[in-house]
Amino acid sequence: TDKNRNPRAFVAPYSSFAPQYLAPQADAAGSPSAAAQTVHDNGYMKVGVSTINPGSFVVSNRATTECFHVLEGLFFLTNA
C-alpha cells in the first residue's frame, strides 16, 4: 500500500491558525485578499487553513477538488 494515502491524524494547536500566523496571499491584481497555512501536504492531499476578505471571486475549472468548513461568517456559493 502507498503510505502517503493512509489516513492519519495531524494535530496543530488552534492558536497556530490565528490570522497573524497565516501567510498573506494576493489576488490577481496584487492586493492582499487572503491568508493561508498548510498543515499537511503529502503530494496526494493538502490540508490547511485559510481566511478570505469579504468580496467575490471566480474559481476556474480544475482537476482538483476542494472541501471547506466555514467557522465564522456568511457565504453564498453560486454556479453562475
PDB file of N, CA and C in Angstrom:
ATOM      1  N   THR A   1       0.829  -1.193   0.000  1.00  0.00           N
ATOM      2  CA  THR A   1       0.000   0.000   0.000  1.00  0.00           C
ATOM      3  C   THR A   1       0.872   1.254   0.000  1.00  0.00           C
ATOM      4  N   ASP A   2       0.320   2.316  -0.509  1.00  0.00           N
ATOM      5  CA  ASP A   2       1.007   3.610  -0.553  1.00  0.00           C
ATOM      6  C   ASP A   2       0.835   4.299   0.794  1.00  0.00           C
ATOM      7  N   LYS A   3       1.939   4.446   1.536  1.00  0.00           N
ATOM      8  CA  LYS A   3       1.829   5.030   2.885  1.00  0.00           C
ATOM      9  C   LYS A   3       1.347   6.472   2.860  1.00  0.00           C
ATOM     10  N   ASN A   4       1.512   7.194   1.753  1.00  0.00           N
ATOM     11  CA  ASN A   4       1.040   8.577   1.676  1.00  0.00           C
ATOM     12  C   ASN A   4      -0.480   8.664   1.585  1.00  0.00           C
ATOM     13  N   ARG A   5      -1.133   7.587   1.258  1.00  0.00           N
ATOM     14  CA  ARG A   5      -2.587   7.610   1.120  1.00  0.00           C
ATOM     15  C   ARG A   5      -3.299   7.076   2.358  1.00  0.00           C
ATOM     16  N   ASN A   6      -2.554   6.600   3.341  1.00  0.00           N
ATOM     17  CA  ASN A   6      -3.181   6.118   4.563  1.00  0.00           C
ATOM     18  C   ASN A   6      -3.640   7.296   5.395  1.00  0.00           C
ATOM     19  N   PRO A   7      -4.880   7.250   5.881  1.00  0.00           N
ATOM     20  CA  PRO A   7      -5.362   8.362   6.710  1.00  0.00           C
ATOM     21  C   PRO A   7      -4.635   8.397   8.049  1.00  0.00           C
ATOM     22  N   ARG A   8      -4.236   9.580   8.451  1.00  0.00           N
ATOM     23  CA  ARG A   8      -3.590   9.782   9.748  1.00  0.00           C
ATOM     24  C   ARG A   8      -4.107  11.085  10.314  1.00  0.00           C
ATOM     25  N   ALA A   9      -4.068  11.208  11.602  1.00  0.00           N
ATOM     26  CA  ALA A   9      -4.469  12.447  12.254  1.00  0.00           C
ATOM     27  C   ALA A   9      -3.275  13.391  12.314  1.00  0.00           C
ATOM     28  N   PHE A  10      -3.508  14.659  12.015  1.00  0.00           N
ATOM     29  CA  PHE A  10      -2.492  15.694  12.128  1.00  0.00           C
ATOM     30  C   PHE A  10      -3.027  16.733  13.095  1.00  0.00           C
ATOM     31  N   VAL A  11      -2.245  17.026  14.084  1.00  0.00           N
ATOM     32  CA  VAL A  11      -2.700  17.919  15.145  1.00  0.00           C
ATOM     33  C   VAL A  11      -1.844  19.180  15.145  1.00  0.00           C
ATOM     34  N   ALA A  12      -2.498  20.321  15.221  1.00  0.00           N
ATOM     35  CA  ALA A  12      -1.817  21.611  15.359  1.00  0.00           C
ATOM     36  C   ALA A  12      -2.627  22.413  16.374  1.00  0.00           C
ATOM     37  N   PRO A  13      -1.960  23.193  17.204  1.00  0.00           N
ATOM     38  CA  PRO A  13      -2.712  23.981  18.186  1.00  0.00           C
ATOM     39  C   PRO A  13      -3.599  25.009  17.498  1.00  0.00           C
ATOM     40  N   TYR A  14      -4.784  25.210  18.050  1.00  0.00           N
ATOM     41  CA  TYR A  14      -5.743  26.169  17.495  1.00  0.00           C
ATOM     42  C   TYR A  14      -5.109  27.549  17.328  1.00  0.00           C
ATOM     43  N   SER A  15      -4.263  27.932  18.267  1.00  0.00           N
ATOM     44  CA  SER A  15      -3.641  29.261  18.210  1.00  0.00           C
ATOM     45  C   SER A  15      -2.771  29.440  16.967  1.00  0.00           C
ATOM     46  N   SER A  16      -2.264  28.343  16.392  1.00  0.00           N
ATOM     47  CA  SER A  16      -1.421  28.465  15.195  1.00  0.00           C
ATOM     48  C   SER A  16      -2.217  28.881  13.970  1.00  0.00           C
ATOM     49  N   PHE A  17      -3.557  28.850  14.056  1.00  0.00           N
ATOM     50  CA  PHE A  17      -4.395  29.258  12.941  1.00  0.00           C
ATOM     51  C   PHE A  17      -4.842  30.709  13.049  1.00  0.00           C
ATOM     52  N   ALA A  18      -4.350  31.428  14.034  1.00  0.00           N
ATOM     53  CA  ALA A  18      -4.697  32.842  14.191  1.00  0.00           C
ATOM     54  C   ALA A  18      -4.186  33.612  12.973  1.00  0.00           C
ATOM     55  N   PRO A  19      -4.908  34.657  12.548  1.00  0.00           N
ATOM     56  CA  PRO A  19      -4.535  35.393  11.337  1.00  0.00           C
ATOM     57  C   PRO A  19      -3.075  35.845  11.288  1.00  0.00           C
ATOM     58  N   GLN A  20      -2.495  36.213  12.411  1.00  0.00           N
ATOM     59  CA  GLN A  20      -1.110  36.695  12.385  1.00  0.00           C
ATOM     60  C   GLN A  20      -0.104  35.597  12.045  1.00  0.00           C
ATOM     61  N   TYR A  21      -0.515  34.333  12.074  1.00  0.00           N
ATOM     62  CA  TYR A  21       0.387  33.231  11.736  1.00  0.00           C
ATOM     63  C   TYR A  21       0.177  32.698  10.326  1.00  0.00           C
ATOM     64  N   LEU A  22      -0.784  33.252   9.598  1.00  0.00           N
ATOM     65  CA  LEU A  22      -1.058  32.796   8.242  1.00  0.00           C
ATOM     66  C   LEU A  22      -0.260  33.616   7.238  1.00  0.00           C
ATOM     67  N   ALA A  23       0.156  32.992   6.155  1.00  0.00           N
ATOM     68  CA  ALA A  23       0.938  33.669   5.118  1.00  0.00           C
ATOM     69  C   ALA A  23       0.001  34.424   4.182  1.00  0.00           C
ATOM     70  N   PRO A  24       0.243  35.737   3.974  1.00  0.00           N
ATOM     71  CA  PRO A  24      -0.624  36.522   3.079  1.00  0.00           C
ATOM     72  C   PRO A  24      -0.570  36.004   1.645  1.00  0.00           C
ATOM     73  N   GLN A  25      -1.698  36.092   0.958  1.00  0.00           N
ATOM     74  CA  GLN A  25      -1.786  35.730  -0.454  1.00  0.00           C
ATOM     75  C   GLN A  25      -2.441  36.884  -1.184  1.00  0.00           C
ATOM     76  N   ALA A  26      -1.988  37.164  -2.392  1.00  0.00           N
ATOM     77  CA  ALA A  26      -2.513  38.284  -3.177  1.00  0.00           C
ATOM     78  C   ALA A  26      -3.478  37.781  -4.244  1.00  0.00           C
ATOM     79  N   ASP A  27      -4.417  38.650  -4.611  1.00  0.00           N
ATOM     80  CA  ASP A  27      -5.323  38.319  -5.704  1.00  0.00           C
ATOM     81  C   ASP A  27      -4.643  38.623  -7.037  1.00  0.00           C
ATOM     82  N   ALA A  28      -5.360  38.468  -8.141  1.00  0.00           N
ATOM     83  CA  ALA A  28      -4.777  38.670  -9.473  1.00  0.00           C
ATOM     84  C   ALA A  28      -4.262  40.089  -9.669  1.00  0.00           C
ATOM     85  N   ALA A  29      -4.853  41.066  -8.971  1.00  0.00           N
ATOM     86  CA  ALA A  29      -4.421  42.460  -9.096  1.00  0.00           C
ATOM     87  C   ALA A  29      -3.262  42.780  -8.157  1.00  0.00           C
ATOM     88  N   GLY A  30      -2.872  41.816  -7.322  1.00  0.00           N
ATOM     89  CA  GLY A  30      -1.762  42.031  -6.409  1.00  0.00           C
ATOM     90  C   GLY A  30      -2.165  42.543  -5.039  1.00  0.00           C
ATOM     91  N   SER A  31      -3.467  42.694  -4.797  1.00  0.00           N
ATOM     92  CA  SER A  31      -3.938  43.174  -3.500  1.00  0.00           C
ATOM     93  C   SER A  31      -4.067  42.005  -2.531  1.00  0.00           C
ATOM     94  N   PRO A  32      -3.662  42.191  -1.274  1.00  0.00           N
ATOM     95  CA  PRO A  32      -3.839  41.111  -0.298  1.00  0.00           C
ATOM     96  C   PRO A  32      -5.322  40.789  -0.144  1.00  0.00           C
ATOM     97  N   SER A  33      -5.688  39.538  -0.321  1.00  0.00           N
ATOM     98  CA  SER A  33      -7.096  39.167  -0.232  1.00  0.00           C
ATOM     99  C   SER A  33      -7.329  37.944   0.642  1.00  0.00           C
ATOM    100  N   ALA A  34      -6.265  37.257   0.983  1.00  0.00           N
ATOM    101  CA  ALA A  34      -6.406  36.026   1.749  1.00  0.00           C
ATOM    102  C   ALA A  34      -5.120  35.740   2.491  1.00  0.00           C
ATOM    103  N   ALA A  35      -5.209  34.799   3.404  1.00  0.00           N
ATOM    104  CA  ALA A  35      -4.032  34.308   4.115  1.00  0.00           C
ATOM    105  C   ALA A  35      -4.253  32.820   4.352  1.00  0.00           C
ATOM    106  N   ALA A  36      -3.176  32.060   4.351  1.00  0.00           N
ATOM    107  CA  ALA A  36      -3.320  30.607   4.479  1.00  0.00           C
ATOM    108  C   ALA A  36      -2.096  29.989   5.137  1.00  0.00           C
ATOM    109  N   GLN A  37      -2.297  28.771   5.618  1.00  0.00           N
ATOM    110  CA  GLN A  37      -1.207  27.980   6.176  1.00  0.00           C
ATOM    111  C   GLN A  37      -1.498  26.519   5.874  1.00  0.00           C
ATOM    112  N   THR A  38      -0.536  25.812   5.316  1.00  0.00           N
ATOM    113  CA  THR A  38      -0.677  24.384   5.067  1.00  0.00           C
ATOM    114  C   THR A  38      -0.213  23.635   6.304  1.00  0.00           C
ATOM    115  N   VAL A  39      -1.050  22.731   6.778  1.00  0.00           N
ATOM    116  CA  VAL A  39      -0.723  21.925   7.951  1.00  0.00           C
ATOM    117  C   VAL A  39      -0.078  20.616   7.517  1.00  0.00           C
ATOM    118  N   HIS A  40      -0.538  20.076   6.385  1.00  0.00           N
ATOM    119  CA  HIS A  40      -0.025  18.793   5.889  1.00  0.00           C
ATOM    120  C   HIS A  40      -0.134  18.752   4.374  1.00  0.00           C
ATOM    121  N   ASP A  41       0.907  18.267   3.719  1.00  0.00           N
ATOM    122  CA  ASP A  41       0.893  18.086   2.269  1.00  0.00           C
ATOM    123  C   ASP A  41       1.735  16.860   1.956  1.00  0.00           C
ATOM    124  N   ASN A  42       1.096  15.771   1.535  1.00  0.00           N
ATOM    125  CA  ASN A  42       1.840  14.554   1.222  1.00  0.00           C
ATOM    126  C   ASN A  42       1.932  14.315  -0.287  1.00  0.00           C
ATOM    127  N   GLY A  43       1.604  15.326  -1.080  1.00  0.00           N
ATOM    128  CA  GLY A  43       1.647  15.188  -2.525  1.00  0.00           C
ATOM    129  C   GLY A  43       0.363  14.623  -3.107  1.00  0.00           C
ATOM    130  N   TYR A  44      -0.447  14.018  -2.274  1.00  0.00           N
ATOM    131  CA  TYR A  44      -1.720  13.454  -2.701  1.00  0.00           C
ATOM    132  C   TYR A  44      -2.877  14.296  -2.167  1.00  0.00           C
ATOM    133  N   MET A  45      -2.685  14.817  -0.964  1.00  0.00           N
ATOM    134  CA  MET A  45      -3.713  15.595  -0.299  1.00  0.00           C
ATOM    135  C   MET A  45      -3.047  16.723   0.478  1.00  0.00           C
ATOM    136  N   LYS A  46      -3.662  17.902   0.442  1.00  0.00           N
ATOM    137  CA  LYS A  46      -3.151  19.052   1.188  1.00  0.00           C
ATOM    138  C   LYS A  46      -4.233  19.492   2.167  1.00  0.00           C
ATOM    139  N   VAL A  47      -3.829  19.718   3.423  1.00  0.00           N
ATOM    140  CA  VAL A  47      -4.751  20.147   4.465  1.00  0.00           C
ATOM    141  C   VAL A  47      -4.223  21.442   5.046  1.00  0.00           C
ATOM    142  N   GLY A  48      -5.112  22.406   5.239  1.00  0.00           N
ATOM    143  CA  GLY A  48      -4.663  23.675   5.787  1.00  0.00           C
ATOM    144  C   GLY A  48      -5.822  24.530   6.238  1.00  0.00           C
ATOM    145  N   VAL A  49      -5.507  25.766   6.498  1.00  0.00           N
ATOM    146  CA  VAL A  49      -6.490  26.733   6.959  1.00  0.00           C
ATOM    147  C   VAL A  49      -6.308  28.001   6.143  1.00  0.00           C
ATOM    148  N   SER A  50      -7.401  28.706   5.874  1.00  0.00           N
ATOM    149  CA  SER A  50      -7.283  29.969   5.153  1.00  0.00           C
ATOM    150  C   SER A  50      -8.370  30.925   5.606  1.00  0.00           C
ATOM    151  N   THR A  51      -8.121  32.186   5.362  1.00  0.00           N
ATOM    152  CA  THR A  51      -9.100  33.225   5.624  1.00  0.00           C
ATOM    153  C   THR A  51      -9.172  34.095   4.375  1.00  0.00           C
ATOM    154  N   ILE A  52     -10.362  34.548   4.045  1.00  0.00           N
ATOM    155  CA  ILE A  52     -10.546  35.337   2.824  1.00  0.00           C
ATOM    156  C   ILE A  52     -11.304  36.608   3.169  1.00  0.00           C
ATOM    157  N   ASN A  53     -10.850  37.725   2.618  1.00  0.00           N
ATOM    158  CA  ASN A  53     -11.518  39.010   2.835  1.00  0.00           C
ATOM    159  C   ASN A  53     -12.896  39.004   2.172  1.00  0.00           C
ATOM    160  N   PRO A  54     -13.815  39.837   2.664  1.00  0.00           N
ATOM    161  CA  PRO A  54     -15.130  39.932   2.022  1.00  0.00           C
ATOM    162  C   PRO A  54     -15.005  40.301   0.546  1.00  0.00           C
ATOM    163  N   GLY A  55     -15.876  39.762  -0.242  1.00  0.00           N
ATOM    164  CA  GLY A  55     -15.870  40.036  -1.677  1.00  0.00           C
ATOM    165  C   GLY A  55     -16.263  38.792  -2.441  1.00  0.00           C
ATOM    166  N   SER A  56     -15.966  38.770  -3.700  1.00  0.00           N
ATOM    167  CA  SER A  56     -16.290  37.612  -4.518  1.00  0.00           C
ATOM    168  C   SER A  56     -15.115  37.282  -5.410  1.00  0.00           C
ATOM    169  N   PHE A  57     -15.086  36.058  -5.888  1.00  0.00           N
ATOM    170  CA  PHE A  57     -14.032  35.643  -6.798  1.00  0.00           C
ATOM    171  C   PHE A  57     -14.524  34.463  -7.614  1.00  0.00           C
ATOM    172  N   VAL A  58     -13.936  34.300  -8.774  1.00  0.00           N
ATOM    173  CA  VAL A  58     -14.290  33.219  -9.685  1.00  0.00           C
ATOM    174  C   VAL A  58     -13.276  32.098  -9.513  1.00  0.00           C
ATOM    175  N   VAL A  59     -13.775  30.888  -9.454  1.00  0.00           N
ATOM    176  CA  VAL A  59     -12.911  29.714  -9.402  1.00  0.00           C
ATOM    177  C   VAL A  59     -13.028  29.012 -10.738  1.00  0.00           C
ATOM    178  N   SER A  60     -11.922  28.906 -11.436  1.00  0.00           N
ATOM    179  CA  SER A  60     -11.945  28.268 -12.758  1.00  0.00           C
ATOM    180  C   SER A  60     -11.989  26.750 -12.600  1.00  0.00           C
ATOM    181  N   ASN A  61     -12.386  26.065 -13.671  1.00  0.00           N
ATOM    182  CA  ASN A  61     -12.399  24.603 -13.659  1.00  0.00           C
ATOM    183  C   ASN A  61     -10.985  24.096 -13.428  1.00  0.00           C
ATOM    184  N   ARG A  62     -10.882  23.050 -12.623  1.00  0.00           N
ATOM    185  CA  ARG A  62      -9.565  22.487 -12.327  1.00  0.00           C
ATOM    186  C   ARG A  62      -9.701  21.001 -12.049  1.00  0.00           C
ATOM    187  N   ALA A  63      -8.586  20.332 -12.016  1.00  0.00           N
ATOM    188  CA  ALA A  63      -8.578  18.881 -11.829  1.00  0.00           C
ATOM    189  C   ALA A  63      -8.682  18.465 -10.365  1.00  0.00           C
ATOM    190  N   THR A  64      -8.584  19.405  -9.444  1.00  0.00           N
ATOM    191  CA  THR A  64      -8.628  19.074  -8.019  1.00  0.00           C
ATOM    192  C   THR A  64      -9.993  19.400  -7.416  1.00  0.00           C
ATOM    193  N   THR A  65     -10.226  18.898  -6.243  1.00  0.00           N
ATOM    194  CA  THR A  65     -11.456  19.139  -5.510  1.00  0.00           C
ATOM    195  C   THR A  65     -11.117  19.839  -4.212  1.00  0.00           C
ATOM    196  N   GLU A  66     -11.990  20.739  -3.778  1.00  0.00           N
ATOM    197  CA  GLU A  66     -11.767  21.461  -2.534  1.00  0.00           C
ATOM    198  C   GLU A  66     -12.960  21.244  -1.612  1.00  0.00           C
ATOM    199  N   CYS A  67     -12.672  21.007  -0.364  1.00  0.00           N
ATOM    200  CA  CYS A  67     -13.694  20.862   0.657  1.00  0.00           C
ATOM    201  C   CYS A  67     -13.362  21.853   1.759  1.00  0.00           C
ATOM    202  N   PHE A  68     -14.366  22.520   2.311  1.00  0.00           N
ATOM    203  CA  PHE A  68     -14.077  23.501   3.356  1.00  0.00           C
ATOM    204  C   PHE A  68     -15.187  23.535   4.389  1.00  0.00           C
ATOM    205  N   HIS A  69     -14.841  24.016   5.560  1.00  0.00           N
ATOM    206  CA  HIS A  69     -15.786  24.231   6.648  1.00  0.00           C
ATOM    207  C   HIS A  69     -15.744  25.709   6.990  1.00  0.00           C
ATOM    208  N   VAL A  70     -16.883  26.341   7.086  1.00  0.00           N
ATOM    209  CA  VAL A  70     -16.944  27.756   7.453  1.00  0.00           C
ATOM    210  C   VAL A  70     -17.038  27.836   8.975  1.00  0.00           C
ATOM    211  N   LEU A  71     -16.046  28.461   9.590  1.00  0.00           N
ATOM    212  CA  LEU A  71     -16.023  28.583  11.044  1.00  0.00           C
ATOM    213  C   LEU A  71     -16.627  29.888  11.527  1.00  0.00           C
ATOM    214  N   GLU A  72     -16.584  30.902  10.665  1.00  0.00           N
ATOM    215  CA  GLU A  72     -17.106  32.201  11.057  1.00  0.00           C
ATOM    216  C   GLU A  72     -17.521  32.959   9.806  1.00  0.00           C
ATOM    217  N   GLY A  73     -18.641  33.645   9.870  1.00  0.00           N
ATOM    218  CA  GLY A  73     -19.067  34.473   8.747  1.00  0.00           C
ATOM    219  C   GLY A  73     -20.208  33.856   7.969  1.00  0.00           C
ATOM    220  N   LEU A  74     -20.453  34.416   6.814  1.00  0.00           N
ATOM    221  CA  LEU A  74     -21.568  34.033   5.960  1.00  0.00           C
ATOM    222  C   LEU A  74     -21.057  34.000   4.527  1.00  0.00           C
ATOM    223  N   PHE A  75     -21.520  33.057   3.744  1.00  0.00           N
ATOM    224  CA  PHE A  75     -21.101  32.999   2.344  1.00  0.00           C
ATOM    225  C   PHE A  75     -22.238  32.504   1.475  1.00  0.00           C
ATOM    226  N   PHE A  76     -22.139  32.803   0.193  1.00  0.00           N
ATOM    227  CA  PHE A  76     -23.059  32.307  -0.817  1.00  0.00           C
ATOM    228  C   PHE A  76     -22.228  31.612  -1.877  1.00  0.00           C
ATOM    229  N   LEU A  77     -22.607  30.428  -2.235  1.00  0.00           N
ATOM    230  CA  LEU A  77     -21.924  29.660  -3.258  1.00  0.00           C
ATOM    231  C   LEU A  77     -22.860  29.556  -4.447  1.00  0.00           C
ATOM    232  N   THR A  78     -22.411  30.043  -5.592  1.00  0.00           N
ATOM    233  CA  THR A  78     -23.259  30.009  -6.786  1.00  0.00           C
ATOM    234  C   THR A  78     -22.538  29.280  -7.899  1.00  0.00           C
ATOM    235  N   ASN A  79     -23.277  28.834  -8.858  1.00  0.00           N
ATOM    236  CA  ASN A  79     -22.731  28.169 -10.037  1.00  0.00           C
ATOM    237  C   ASN A  79     -23.215  28.948 -11.245  1.00  0.00           C
ATOM    238  N   ALA A  80     -22.734  30.175 -11.357  1.00  0.00           N
ATOM    239  CA  ALA A  80     -23.207  31.049 -12.439  1.00  0.00           C
ATOM    240  C   ALA A  80     -22.333  30.934 -13.657  1.00  0.00           C
TER     241      ALA A  80
END
